[in-house]
Protein backbone atom coordinates (compact mmCIF):
# COMPACT_ATOMS: atom_id res chain seq x y z
CA MET A 1 -48.79 -18.74 9.10
CA ILE A 2 -49.35 -22.44 9.75
CA VAL A 3 -52.88 -23.53 10.71
CA LEU A 4 -53.29 -26.65 12.86
CA LEU A 5 -56.38 -28.86 12.67
CA SER A 6 -57.43 -32.06 14.42
CA PRO A 7 -58.28 -35.16 12.39
CA ALA A 8 -61.72 -36.84 12.46
CA LYS A 9 -62.97 -40.27 13.49
CA SER A 10 -65.41 -40.33 10.59
CA LEU A 11 -63.80 -41.08 7.23
CA ASN A 12 -64.77 -40.97 3.56
CA PHE A 13 -62.75 -43.24 1.32
CA GLU A 14 -64.77 -42.86 -1.84
CA PRO A 15 -62.32 -42.17 -4.71
CA ALA A 16 -61.24 -38.53 -4.87
CA LYS A 17 -61.70 -36.45 -8.02
CA ILE A 18 -58.23 -34.92 -7.79
CA LYS A 19 -55.02 -36.81 -8.49
CA ARG A 20 -52.52 -34.47 -6.81
CA HIS A 21 -51.00 -36.02 -3.73
CA SER A 22 -47.99 -36.10 -1.44
CA THR A 23 -46.48 -38.58 1.02
CA PRO A 24 -46.58 -38.29 4.85
CA ARG A 25 -43.15 -37.31 6.12
CA LEU A 26 -43.32 -39.43 9.27
CA LEU A 27 -44.43 -42.60 7.52
CA ASP A 28 -41.59 -44.67 9.02
CA GLU A 29 -42.97 -43.89 12.48
CA SER A 30 -46.51 -44.69 11.30
CA THR A 31 -45.31 -48.05 10.00
CA GLU A 32 -43.71 -48.77 13.38
CA LEU A 33 -46.98 -47.99 15.17
CA VAL A 34 -48.99 -50.18 12.81
CA GLY A 35 -46.51 -53.02 13.24
CA HIS A 36 -47.13 -52.84 16.98
CA LEU A 37 -50.91 -52.61 16.57
CA LYS A 38 -50.96 -55.64 14.26
CA THR A 39 -49.95 -57.81 17.22
CA LYS A 40 -53.12 -56.91 19.14
CA SER A 41 -56.41 -58.80 19.08
CA ALA A 42 -59.79 -57.17 18.51
CA ASN A 43 -60.50 -57.44 22.22
CA SER A 44 -57.21 -55.71 23.07
CA ILE A 45 -58.00 -52.92 20.59
CA LYS A 46 -61.47 -52.58 22.10
CA LYS A 47 -60.03 -52.08 25.59
CA LEU A 48 -57.18 -49.86 24.42
CA MET A 49 -59.40 -47.48 22.47
CA GLY A 50 -62.64 -47.81 24.42
CA VAL A 51 -64.63 -48.66 21.29
CA SER A 52 -67.36 -51.13 20.31
CA ASP A 53 -66.73 -54.68 19.09
CA ASN A 54 -67.52 -53.63 15.51
CA ILE A 55 -65.12 -50.68 15.52
CA ALA A 56 -62.40 -52.80 17.14
CA THR A 57 -62.80 -55.51 14.48
CA LEU A 58 -62.83 -52.91 11.70
CA ASN A 59 -59.57 -51.40 12.89
CA VAL A 60 -57.85 -54.76 13.31
CA SER A 61 -58.66 -55.26 9.62
CA ARG A 62 -57.39 -51.77 8.77
CA PHE A 63 -54.08 -52.31 10.55
CA ASN A 64 -53.62 -55.74 8.94
CA ASN A 65 -54.29 -54.26 5.49
CA PHE A 66 -51.90 -51.34 5.98
CA GLU A 67 -49.26 -51.39 3.27
CA THR A 68 -46.70 -49.11 1.68
CA PRO A 69 -46.05 -47.44 -0.65
CA PHE A 70 -49.22 -45.35 -0.53
CA THR A 71 -50.91 -44.87 -3.91
CA LEU A 72 -54.22 -43.48 -5.13
CA ASP A 73 -55.41 -47.10 -5.30
CA ASN A 74 -54.87 -47.88 -1.60
CA ALA A 75 -54.98 -44.44 0.07
CA LYS A 76 -56.61 -41.01 -0.17
CA GLN A 77 -55.61 -37.38 0.39
CA ALA A 78 -56.04 -36.56 4.10
CA ILE A 79 -58.04 -33.35 3.66
CA LEU A 80 -60.61 -35.29 1.60
CA ALA A 81 -60.56 -38.49 3.67
CA PHE A 82 -61.48 -36.95 7.04
CA ASN A 83 -65.23 -36.39 7.33
CA GLY A 84 -66.20 -35.06 10.80
CA ASP A 85 -67.63 -31.71 11.95
CA VAL A 86 -64.38 -29.80 11.31
CA TYR A 87 -64.29 -31.06 7.73
CA THR A 88 -67.95 -30.23 7.16
CA GLY A 89 -66.95 -26.64 7.91
CA LEU A 90 -63.75 -26.86 5.88
CA GLU A 91 -65.55 -27.93 2.68
CA ALA A 92 -62.33 -29.06 1.01
CA ASP A 93 -64.35 -30.51 -1.88
CA SER A 94 -65.03 -26.90 -2.91
CA PHE A 95 -61.31 -26.05 -3.21
CA ASP A 96 -60.00 -25.34 -6.69
CA SER A 97 -56.40 -26.02 -7.69
CA LYS A 98 -55.09 -22.69 -6.33
CA ASP A 99 -57.00 -23.15 -3.07
CA MET A 100 -55.45 -26.57 -2.62
CA THR A 101 -51.96 -25.23 -3.33
CA PHE A 102 -52.43 -22.59 -0.61
CA ALA A 103 -53.85 -25.18 1.80
CA GLN A 104 -50.93 -27.52 1.12
CA LYS A 105 -48.55 -24.75 2.19
CA HIS A 106 -50.42 -23.45 5.23
CA ILE A 107 -52.69 -26.15 6.74
CA ARG A 108 -51.47 -29.07 8.82
CA ILE A 109 -53.52 -31.90 10.34
CA LEU A 110 -52.28 -33.49 13.56
CA SER A 111 -52.71 -37.26 13.75
CA GLY A 112 -52.17 -40.05 16.25
CA LEU A 113 -50.96 -42.42 13.52
CA TYR A 114 -49.30 -40.06 11.04
CA GLY A 115 -47.98 -37.36 13.39
CA VAL A 116 -48.63 -34.40 11.12
CA LEU A 117 -50.17 -34.40 7.65
CA LYS A 118 -50.23 -31.97 4.76
CA PRO A 119 -53.69 -31.74 3.14
CA LEU A 120 -52.63 -33.74 0.08
CA ASP A 121 -50.70 -36.39 2.00
CA LEU A 122 -52.09 -39.81 1.23
CA MET A 123 -53.34 -41.80 4.20
CA GLN A 124 -54.97 -45.17 4.72
CA PRO A 125 -58.06 -45.54 6.95
CA TYR A 126 -57.36 -45.83 10.67
CA ARG A 127 -58.57 -45.10 14.18
CA LEU A 128 -55.90 -44.02 16.65
CA GLU A 129 -56.63 -40.98 18.76
CA MET A 130 -53.68 -38.99 20.06
CA GLY A 131 -54.73 -39.58 23.67
CA THR A 132 -54.57 -43.37 23.31
CA ARG A 133 -52.32 -44.95 25.94
CA LEU A 134 -50.53 -47.15 23.44
CA LYS A 135 -47.25 -48.46 24.83
CA VAL A 136 -44.48 -48.80 22.25
CA LYS A 137 -41.19 -50.06 23.61
CA ARG A 138 -40.36 -47.66 26.46
CA LYS A 139 -42.92 -45.05 25.41
CA LYS A 140 -46.08 -45.25 27.53
CA ASN A 141 -48.35 -43.28 25.18
CA LEU A 142 -48.44 -41.54 21.80
CA TYR A 143 -47.32 -38.19 23.22
CA GLU A 144 -44.08 -39.83 24.35
CA PHE A 145 -43.79 -41.78 21.10
CA TRP A 146 -43.99 -38.65 18.94
CA ASP A 147 -41.89 -36.62 21.40
CA GLU A 148 -40.39 -33.64 19.48
CA LYS A 149 -40.95 -34.99 15.96
CA ILE A 150 -44.27 -33.28 15.30
CA THR A 151 -42.95 -29.94 16.53
CA SER A 152 -39.83 -30.28 14.37
CA VAL A 153 -41.90 -30.83 11.23
CA ILE A 154 -44.15 -27.86 12.05
CA ASN A 155 -41.08 -25.67 12.57
CA GLU A 156 -39.75 -26.72 9.16
CA ASP A 157 -43.06 -25.80 7.55
CA LEU A 158 -43.22 -22.48 9.37
CA THR A 159 -39.80 -21.60 7.99
CA LYS A 160 -40.76 -22.63 4.45
CA SER A 161 -43.95 -20.57 4.60
CA LYS A 162 -41.91 -17.56 5.75
CA GLY A 163 -44.36 -17.17 8.60
CA THR A 164 -44.00 -16.44 12.29
CA VAL A 165 -47.37 -17.63 13.64
CA ILE A 166 -48.95 -21.00 14.37
CA LEU A 167 -52.73 -20.69 14.49
CA ASN A 168 -54.17 -23.42 16.67
CA LEU A 169 -57.57 -24.64 15.51
CA ALA A 170 -56.96 -28.13 16.91
CA SER A 171 -58.44 -29.65 20.05
CA LYS A 172 -56.54 -29.76 23.32
CA GLU A 173 -55.95 -33.49 22.88
CA TYR A 174 -54.15 -32.98 19.59
CA PHE A 175 -52.41 -29.69 20.28
CA SER A 176 -50.84 -31.38 23.33
CA SER A 177 -48.64 -33.30 20.87
CA VAL A 178 -46.92 -29.97 20.08
CA LYS A 179 -44.21 -28.69 22.39
CA PRO A 180 -44.83 -24.92 22.66
CA LYS A 181 -41.43 -24.13 24.17
CA LEU A 182 -39.73 -25.59 21.09
CA VAL A 183 -41.89 -23.80 18.51
CA ASP A 184 -39.98 -21.27 16.40
CA GLY A 185 -42.80 -18.76 16.35
CA LYS A 186 -45.81 -17.35 18.12
CA ILE A 187 -48.75 -19.61 18.98
CA VAL A 188 -52.24 -18.13 18.77
CA HIS A 189 -55.27 -20.11 19.97
CA VAL A 190 -58.80 -19.54 18.64
CA HIS A 191 -61.92 -19.95 20.80
CA PHE A 192 -65.50 -20.18 19.56
CA LYS A 193 -68.24 -19.71 22.19
CA GLU A 194 -71.96 -18.95 22.26
CA LEU A 195 -73.79 -16.78 24.77
CA ARG A 196 -76.14 -19.01 26.76
CA ASN A 197 -77.98 -17.74 29.84
CA GLY A 198 -75.58 -14.83 30.23
CA GLN A 199 -72.42 -16.93 29.91
CA TYR A 200 -70.23 -17.83 26.95
CA LYS A 201 -70.04 -21.59 26.45
CA VAL A 202 -68.47 -23.94 23.93
CA ILE A 203 -71.09 -25.79 21.90
CA SER A 204 -68.91 -28.66 20.80
CA PHE A 205 -70.15 -29.62 17.33
CA LYS A 206 -70.73 -25.98 16.36
CA ALA A 207 -67.26 -24.98 17.56
CA LYS A 208 -65.71 -27.86 15.60
CA LYS A 209 -67.51 -26.81 12.44
CA ALA A 210 -66.41 -23.19 13.05
CA ARG A 211 -62.76 -24.29 13.25
CA GLY A 212 -63.12 -25.87 9.83
CA LYS A 213 -64.97 -22.84 8.49
CA MET A 214 -62.21 -20.50 9.66
CA ALA A 215 -59.66 -22.69 7.89
CA ASN A 216 -61.86 -22.52 4.78
CA LEU A 217 -61.99 -18.72 4.94
CA ILE A 218 -58.23 -18.54 5.45
CA VAL A 219 -57.71 -20.61 2.30
CA LYS A 220 -60.34 -18.87 0.17
CA ASN A 221 -59.12 -15.39 1.16
CA ARG A 222 -55.40 -16.29 1.18
CA ILE A 223 -55.01 -15.00 4.75
CA THR A 224 -51.49 -15.17 6.14
CA ASP A 225 -51.69 -12.71 9.06
CA ILE A 226 -53.52 -12.72 12.39
CA LYS A 227 -54.92 -9.19 12.03
CA SER A 228 -57.07 -10.16 9.04
CA LEU A 229 -58.81 -12.89 11.06
CA SER A 230 -60.59 -10.28 13.19
CA LYS A 231 -62.65 -9.23 10.16
CA LEU A 232 -64.12 -12.68 9.54
CA ASP A 233 -67.68 -13.79 10.13
CA VAL A 234 -67.28 -17.48 10.95
CA ASP A 235 -70.77 -18.96 10.71
CA GLY A 236 -72.05 -16.11 12.87
CA TYR A 237 -69.12 -16.13 15.31
CA LEU A 238 -67.61 -12.66 15.44
CA TYR A 239 -64.30 -11.44 16.83
CA SER A 240 -64.31 -9.75 20.23
CA LYS A 241 -61.37 -7.45 20.88
CA GLU A 242 -62.38 -7.11 24.55
CA LEU A 243 -62.28 -10.86 25.20
CA SER A 244 -59.15 -11.54 23.13
CA ASP A 245 -55.49 -11.09 23.98
CA GLU A 246 -52.10 -11.49 22.32
CA ASN A 247 -52.24 -15.29 22.32
CA ASN A 248 -55.99 -15.95 22.23
CA LEU A 249 -58.57 -14.88 19.66
CA PHE A 250 -62.14 -14.99 20.95
CA PHE A 251 -65.07 -15.35 18.55
CA GLY A 252 -68.52 -15.14 20.11
CA LYS A 253 -72.09 -15.69 18.96
CA GLU A 254 -75.21 -14.40 20.70
């Protein structure tokens, strides 16, 4: 089983305690994107990404400082560098060596700049959401730029893990970079909703944290099959057989 997560806008680049690391497999494509972004002014970045002046200026600096090869001096392991709601739930800092080995085999992080990352892949700080309409040559956005490359890498990892299922814990924006018809396995989506005024609704930050928590439980319990997920208590979200189907797992909270 391969578990897909979204990245986070918030980052933590304090030095990591662990030294184990790997290299992003689509780094040539990342370098091409950065080369294109380096030609843009802070004002252009602001308009492109819809961000503040400060964030635009920060990311101009990040793109200009981008350099390879990645080392522990200029980059950090992705699973420890991302710091949003999903990663609060994931609690990767609590992983021991065996946990991290399992995560490295089964968890993948989708990224606008890096395509797809293993947990221990080194990355440098950036801001580039998958939905950004960045034009590169004849490609009008990042979905066109990445085309089938992300799916191909995921298929390779699915084969290596000897699995048949891709568990989608990523947002719609990021999962849209995957081409379902080309996936060599079954895709299962997970939904976290709370009962509010008689209706189940997505509470965004809680659902994001629950995605990370489910990934944490998968790692800690070495889960490699869909059936075992139904037994989990994910921060109070419980599996509903009635509201689930073959391709969608529903976890509700009252």
